[in-house]
Amino acid sequence: MVTPSGTDCRYYYQDFHRGRGVQECRLLKDAEDSLPWEERVCAICPVPAILRANGCSHMHLHARLVRRWPGRRKMVVTAHCSQQQTAVKDPYVGCGHCHPTAAAVLIPSKEEDR
């Protein structure tokens, strides 16, 4: 569904049918220790970019909204691979086990760093 900031996100939900006024982020809905969601959060959220970059069905995202400065908020996103049962370091790339050819192209090897 298209968010208020204009990007497509599977976790955003809205329903304005017959006078309803429901707008929510279903990723933040179940998050513990998170600030409440507002429309303006979608403009700073990295989740739509992560979903565009990595479409792995085994990667599950977890997010929470935290306060950085007075009036400023930041979306903290972590990922977990359900197939490998590991934390994902870079959600844009993935765990490296599910799609090894993509990880080989996107993550430089140690020999190339020298």
N, C-alpha and C. Protein backbone atom coordinates (compact mmCIF):
# COMPACT_ATOMS: atom_id res chain seq x y z
N MET A 1 0.84 -1.17 0.00
CA MET A 1 0.00 0.00 0.00
C MET A 1 0.89 1.24 0.00
N VAL A 2 0.46 2.28 -0.62
CA VAL A 2 1.24 3.51 -0.72
C VAL A 2 1.12 4.30 0.59
N THR A 3 2.28 4.67 1.14
CA THR A 3 2.33 5.39 2.42
C THR A 3 2.03 6.87 2.21
N PRO A 4 1.83 7.63 3.27
CA PRO A 4 1.61 9.07 3.12
C PRO A 4 2.80 9.80 2.49
N SER A 5 4.01 9.23 2.56
CA SER A 5 5.17 9.86 1.93
C SER A 5 5.31 9.47 0.46
N GLY A 6 4.47 8.55 -0.02
CA GLY A 6 4.45 8.22 -1.44
C GLY A 6 5.21 6.96 -1.83
N THR A 7 5.75 6.22 -0.87
CA THR A 7 6.46 4.98 -1.18
C THR A 7 5.55 3.79 -0.89
N ASP A 8 5.86 2.67 -1.52
CA ASP A 8 5.06 1.47 -1.34
C ASP A 8 5.65 0.64 -0.19
N CYS A 9 4.80 0.24 0.77
CA CYS A 9 5.26 -0.53 1.93
C CYS A 9 4.19 -1.56 2.29
N ARG A 10 4.61 -2.80 2.48
CA ARG A 10 3.64 -3.86 2.81
C ARG A 10 3.15 -3.77 4.25
N TYR A 11 3.83 -3.03 5.11
CA TYR A 11 3.44 -2.93 6.51
C TYR A 11 2.50 -1.76 6.81
N TYR A 12 2.35 -0.85 5.86
CA TYR A 12 1.44 0.28 6.05
C TYR A 12 0.02 -0.15 5.69
N TYR A 13 -0.95 0.29 6.51
CA TYR A 13 -2.35 -0.04 6.27
C TYR A 13 -3.20 1.20 6.48
N GLN A 14 -4.14 1.39 5.58
CA GLN A 14 -5.11 2.47 5.75
C GLN A 14 -6.48 2.01 5.29
N ASP A 15 -7.51 2.56 5.95
CA ASP A 15 -8.88 2.22 5.60
C ASP A 15 -9.75 3.45 5.84
N PHE A 16 -10.22 4.05 4.76
CA PHE A 16 -11.09 5.22 4.85
C PHE A 16 -12.49 4.92 4.31
N HIS A 17 -12.83 3.67 4.16
CA HIS A 17 -14.12 3.28 3.59
C HIS A 17 -15.26 3.61 4.56
N ARG A 18 -16.26 4.29 4.08
CA ARG A 18 -17.48 4.64 4.82
C ARG A 18 -17.19 5.32 6.16
N GLY A 19 -16.34 6.30 6.12
CA GLY A 19 -16.10 7.11 7.30
C GLY A 19 -15.04 6.61 8.25
N ARG A 20 -14.47 5.46 7.96
CA ARG A 20 -13.40 4.98 8.83
C ARG A 20 -12.17 5.85 8.63
N GLY A 21 -11.35 5.91 9.61
CA GLY A 21 -10.12 6.69 9.54
C GLY A 21 -8.97 5.92 10.15
N VAL A 22 -8.68 4.75 9.59
CA VAL A 22 -7.65 3.89 10.16
C VAL A 22 -6.38 4.04 9.33
N GLN A 23 -5.31 4.43 9.99
CA GLN A 23 -3.98 4.46 9.40
C GLN A 23 -3.02 3.89 10.43
N GLU A 24 -2.19 2.93 10.02
CA GLU A 24 -1.27 2.33 10.97
C GLU A 24 -0.09 1.68 10.26
N CYS A 25 0.97 1.53 11.02
CA CYS A 25 2.13 0.76 10.57
C CYS A 25 2.07 -0.56 11.32
N ARG A 26 1.85 -1.62 10.60
CA ARG A 26 1.70 -2.92 11.25
C ARG A 26 3.02 -3.50 11.72
N LEU A 27 4.11 -2.94 11.27
CA LEU A 27 5.41 -3.35 11.78
C LEU A 27 5.65 -2.77 13.17
N LEU A 28 5.19 -1.55 13.39
CA LEU A 28 5.33 -0.91 14.70
C LEU A 28 4.20 -1.26 15.66
N LYS A 29 3.12 -1.79 15.14
CA LYS A 29 1.94 -2.07 15.97
C LYS A 29 2.26 -3.04 17.10
N ASP A 30 3.06 -4.07 16.82
CA ASP A 30 3.39 -5.08 17.82
C ASP A 30 4.73 -4.82 18.50
N ALA A 31 5.39 -3.73 18.17
CA ALA A 31 6.71 -3.46 18.73
C ALA A 31 6.61 -2.99 20.18
N GLU A 32 7.45 -3.57 20.99
CA GLU A 32 7.53 -3.14 22.38
C GLU A 32 8.52 -1.99 22.49
N ASP A 33 8.33 -1.14 23.48
CA ASP A 33 9.25 -0.04 23.75
C ASP A 33 9.42 0.87 22.53
N SER A 34 8.32 1.17 21.86
CA SER A 34 8.35 2.03 20.69
C SER A 34 7.42 3.21 20.90
N LEU A 35 7.79 4.33 20.32
CA LEU A 35 6.91 5.49 20.34
C LEU A 35 5.72 5.24 19.43
N PRO A 36 4.62 5.92 19.63
CA PRO A 36 3.45 5.71 18.75
C PRO A 36 3.72 6.20 17.33
N TRP A 37 3.12 5.52 16.37
CA TRP A 37 3.29 5.84 14.96
C TRP A 37 2.50 7.09 14.61
N GLU A 38 3.06 7.92 13.73
CA GLU A 38 2.40 9.08 13.14
C GLU A 38 2.67 9.06 11.64
N GLU A 39 1.89 9.79 10.88
CA GLU A 39 2.05 9.82 9.42
C GLU A 39 3.43 10.27 8.99
N ARG A 40 3.99 11.24 9.69
CA ARG A 40 5.28 11.81 9.27
C ARG A 40 6.44 10.82 9.44
N VAL A 41 6.24 9.74 10.17
CA VAL A 41 7.28 8.74 10.36
C VAL A 41 7.60 8.04 9.04
N CYS A 42 6.63 7.89 8.17
CA CYS A 42 6.84 7.21 6.89
C CYS A 42 7.90 7.91 6.03
N ALA A 43 8.07 9.20 6.20
CA ALA A 43 9.07 9.93 5.41
C ALA A 43 10.49 9.57 5.81
N ILE A 44 10.71 9.15 7.05
CA ILE A 44 12.06 8.82 7.52
C ILE A 44 12.30 7.32 7.66
N CYS A 45 11.32 6.52 7.30
CA CYS A 45 11.39 5.07 7.51
C CYS A 45 12.23 4.39 6.43
N PRO A 46 13.21 3.55 6.82
CA PRO A 46 14.02 2.84 5.83
C PRO A 46 13.40 1.54 5.32
N VAL A 47 12.28 1.12 5.88
CA VAL A 47 11.69 -0.18 5.54
C VAL A 47 11.31 -0.29 4.06
N PRO A 48 10.68 0.69 3.42
CA PRO A 48 10.38 0.53 1.99
C PRO A 48 11.63 0.33 1.13
N ALA A 49 12.72 1.01 1.47
CA ALA A 49 13.97 0.84 0.72
C ALA A 49 14.55 -0.55 0.96
N ILE A 50 14.45 -1.05 2.17
CA ILE A 50 14.93 -2.41 2.48
C ILE A 50 14.12 -3.44 1.70
N LEU A 51 12.81 -3.27 1.63
CA LEU A 51 11.96 -4.21 0.92
C LEU A 51 12.22 -4.17 -0.59
N ARG A 52 12.56 -3.01 -1.13
CA ARG A 52 12.90 -2.92 -2.55
C ARG A 52 14.25 -3.58 -2.83
N ALA A 53 15.20 -3.43 -1.90
CA ALA A 53 16.55 -3.97 -2.11
C ALA A 53 16.62 -5.48 -1.87
N ASN A 54 15.83 -5.99 -0.93
CA ASN A 54 15.94 -7.40 -0.57
C ASN A 54 14.53 -7.98 -0.43
N GLY A 55 14.19 -8.88 -1.29
CA GLY A 55 12.86 -9.50 -1.27
C GLY A 55 12.87 -10.91 -0.72
N CYS A 56 13.86 -11.23 0.11
CA CYS A 56 13.97 -12.59 0.65
C CYS A 56 12.76 -12.89 1.54
N SER A 57 12.13 -14.02 1.30
CA SER A 57 10.95 -14.39 2.08
C SER A 57 11.31 -14.91 3.46
N HIS A 58 12.57 -15.21 3.70
CA HIS A 58 13.01 -15.73 5.00
C HIS A 58 13.40 -14.61 5.97
N MET A 59 13.56 -13.40 5.47
CA MET A 59 13.97 -12.28 6.32
C MET A 59 12.75 -11.63 6.96
N HIS A 60 12.79 -11.53 8.27
CA HIS A 60 11.71 -10.89 9.02
C HIS A 60 12.24 -9.63 9.68
N LEU A 61 11.52 -8.53 9.48
CA LEU A 61 11.94 -7.25 10.03
C LEU A 61 11.28 -6.97 11.36
N HIS A 62 12.02 -6.29 12.22
CA HIS A 62 11.52 -5.83 13.50
C HIS A 62 11.91 -4.36 13.61
N ALA A 63 10.98 -3.52 14.01
CA ALA A 63 11.28 -2.10 14.06
C ALA A 63 10.74 -1.48 15.34
N ARG A 64 11.37 -0.38 15.70
CA ARG A 64 10.85 0.43 16.80
C ARG A 64 11.22 1.87 16.53
N LEU A 65 10.38 2.74 17.00
CA LEU A 65 10.56 4.17 16.80
C LEU A 65 11.13 4.75 18.09
N VAL A 66 12.26 5.43 17.99
CA VAL A 66 12.92 5.99 19.17
C VAL A 66 13.09 7.49 19.01
N ARG A 67 13.22 8.16 20.13
CA ARG A 67 13.42 9.60 20.13
C ARG A 67 14.92 9.88 20.18
N ARG A 68 15.40 10.70 19.25
CA ARG A 68 16.82 11.05 19.21
C ARG A 68 17.06 12.40 19.87
N TRP A 69 16.42 13.41 19.39
CA TRP A 69 16.51 14.75 19.93
C TRP A 69 15.08 15.20 20.20
N PRO A 70 14.90 16.25 20.96
CA PRO A 70 13.52 16.74 21.14
C PRO A 70 12.86 17.05 19.79
N GLY A 71 11.79 16.37 19.53
CA GLY A 71 11.06 16.57 18.27
C GLY A 71 11.56 15.72 17.12
N ARG A 72 12.69 15.04 17.27
CA ARG A 72 13.25 14.20 16.20
C ARG A 72 13.07 12.73 16.57
N ARG A 73 12.77 11.93 15.57
CA ARG A 73 12.56 10.51 15.78
C ARG A 73 13.39 9.72 14.77
N LYS A 74 13.67 8.48 15.12
CA LYS A 74 14.43 7.61 14.23
C LYS A 74 13.82 6.22 14.27
N MET A 75 13.72 5.61 13.12
CA MET A 75 13.21 4.24 13.01
C MET A 75 14.41 3.29 13.05
N VAL A 76 14.44 2.44 14.05
CA VAL A 76 15.51 1.45 14.20
C VAL A 76 14.97 0.12 13.70
N VAL A 77 15.61 -0.43 12.67
CA VAL A 77 15.14 -1.65 12.03
C VAL A 77 16.20 -2.74 12.19
N THR A 78 15.78 -3.89 12.67
CA THR A 78 16.64 -5.06 12.74
C THR A 78 15.98 -6.18 11.94
N ALA A 79 16.80 -7.13 11.50
CA ALA A 79 16.29 -8.22 10.68
C ALA A 79 16.79 -9.56 11.21
N HIS A 80 16.00 -10.58 10.93
CA HIS A 80 16.31 -11.94 11.38
C HIS A 80 15.97 -12.91 10.25
N CYS A 81 16.87 -13.85 9.97
CA CYS A 81 16.63 -14.85 8.94
C CYS A 81 16.01 -16.08 9.59
N SER A 82 14.81 -16.43 9.17
CA SER A 82 14.12 -17.58 9.76
C SER A 82 14.67 -18.91 9.26
N GLN A 83 15.31 -18.94 8.11
CA GLN A 83 15.86 -20.18 7.59
C GLN A 83 17.19 -20.52 8.28
N GLN A 84 18.06 -19.54 8.46
CA GLN A 84 19.37 -19.77 9.08
C GLN A 84 19.35 -19.54 10.59
N GLN A 85 18.26 -18.97 11.10
CA GLN A 85 18.12 -18.66 12.52
C GLN A 85 19.26 -17.77 13.02
N THR A 86 19.56 -16.72 12.25
CA THR A 86 20.61 -15.78 12.61
C THR A 86 20.12 -14.35 12.45
N ALA A 87 20.80 -13.45 13.14
CA ALA A 87 20.53 -12.03 12.95
C ALA A 87 21.17 -11.59 11.64
N VAL A 88 20.52 -10.69 10.96
CA VAL A 88 21.02 -10.18 9.69
C VAL A 88 21.73 -8.86 9.96
N LYS A 89 23.01 -8.79 9.56
CA LYS A 89 23.78 -7.57 9.83
C LYS A 89 23.31 -6.40 8.97
N ASP A 90 23.11 -6.65 7.68
CA ASP A 90 22.68 -5.60 6.76
C ASP A 90 21.39 -6.04 6.08
N PRO A 91 20.24 -5.50 6.49
CA PRO A 91 18.97 -5.92 5.89
C PRO A 91 18.86 -5.62 4.40
N TYR A 92 19.61 -4.65 3.91
CA TYR A 92 19.58 -4.34 2.48
C TYR A 92 20.17 -5.49 1.65
N VAL A 93 21.12 -6.23 2.22
CA VAL A 93 21.79 -7.31 1.51
C VAL A 93 21.23 -8.67 1.90
N GLY A 94 21.00 -8.90 3.18
CA GLY A 94 20.49 -10.17 3.66
C GLY A 94 21.54 -10.91 4.46
N CYS A 95 21.26 -12.15 4.80
CA CYS A 95 22.16 -12.94 5.66
C CYS A 95 23.37 -13.47 4.90
N GLY A 96 23.28 -13.63 3.60
CA GLY A 96 24.38 -14.16 2.81
C GLY A 96 24.28 -15.65 2.56
N HIS A 97 23.40 -16.35 3.26
CA HIS A 97 23.26 -17.79 3.09
C HIS A 97 22.10 -18.15 2.16
N CYS A 98 21.02 -17.41 2.24
CA CYS A 98 19.84 -17.72 1.42
C CYS A 98 20.08 -17.45 -0.06
N HIS A 99 20.79 -16.40 -0.36
CA HIS A 99 21.07 -16.01 -1.75
C HIS A 99 22.56 -15.73 -1.87
N PRO A 100 23.40 -16.77 -1.95
CA PRO A 100 24.85 -16.57 -1.91
C PRO A 100 25.41 -15.81 -3.11
N THR A 101 24.79 -15.91 -4.28
CA THR A 101 25.33 -15.19 -5.43
C THR A 101 25.12 -13.70 -5.28
N ALA A 102 23.99 -13.29 -4.72
CA ALA A 102 23.75 -11.86 -4.50
C ALA A 102 24.68 -11.32 -3.43
N ALA A 103 24.92 -12.10 -2.39
CA ALA A 103 25.82 -11.66 -1.33
C ALA A 103 27.25 -11.56 -1.84
N ALA A 104 27.65 -12.44 -2.74
CA ALA A 104 29.00 -12.39 -3.28
C ALA A 104 29.22 -11.14 -4.12
N VAL A 105 28.20 -10.69 -4.79
CA VAL A 105 28.31 -9.49 -5.62
C VAL A 105 28.27 -8.23 -4.75
N LEU A 106 27.41 -8.22 -3.75
CA LEU A 106 27.18 -7.02 -2.97
C LEU A 106 28.14 -6.84 -1.79
N ILE A 107 28.67 -7.92 -1.24
CA ILE A 107 29.58 -7.84 -0.10
C ILE A 107 30.98 -8.15 -0.60
N PRO A 108 31.91 -7.19 -0.51
CA PRO A 108 33.28 -7.46 -0.99
C PRO A 108 33.96 -8.49 -0.11
N SER A 109 34.77 -9.35 -0.73
CA SER A 109 35.49 -10.36 0.03
C SER A 109 36.69 -9.73 0.72
N LYS A 110 37.29 -10.46 1.64
CA LYS A 110 38.43 -9.94 2.39
C LYS A 110 39.65 -9.75 1.50
N GLU A 111 39.79 -10.55 0.46
CA GLU A 111 40.92 -10.41 -0.45
C GLU A 111 40.83 -9.12 -1.25
N GLU A 112 39.61 -8.68 -1.58
CA GLU A 112 39.44 -7.45 -2.34
C GLU A 112 39.70 -6.22 -1.49
N ASP A 113 39.58 -6.33 -0.17
CA ASP A 113 39.76 -5.19 0.72
C ASP A 113 41.25 -4.81 0.83
N ARG A 114 42.14 -5.71 0.49
CA ARG A 114 43.58 -5.45 0.66
C ARG A 114 44.11 -4.50 -0.34
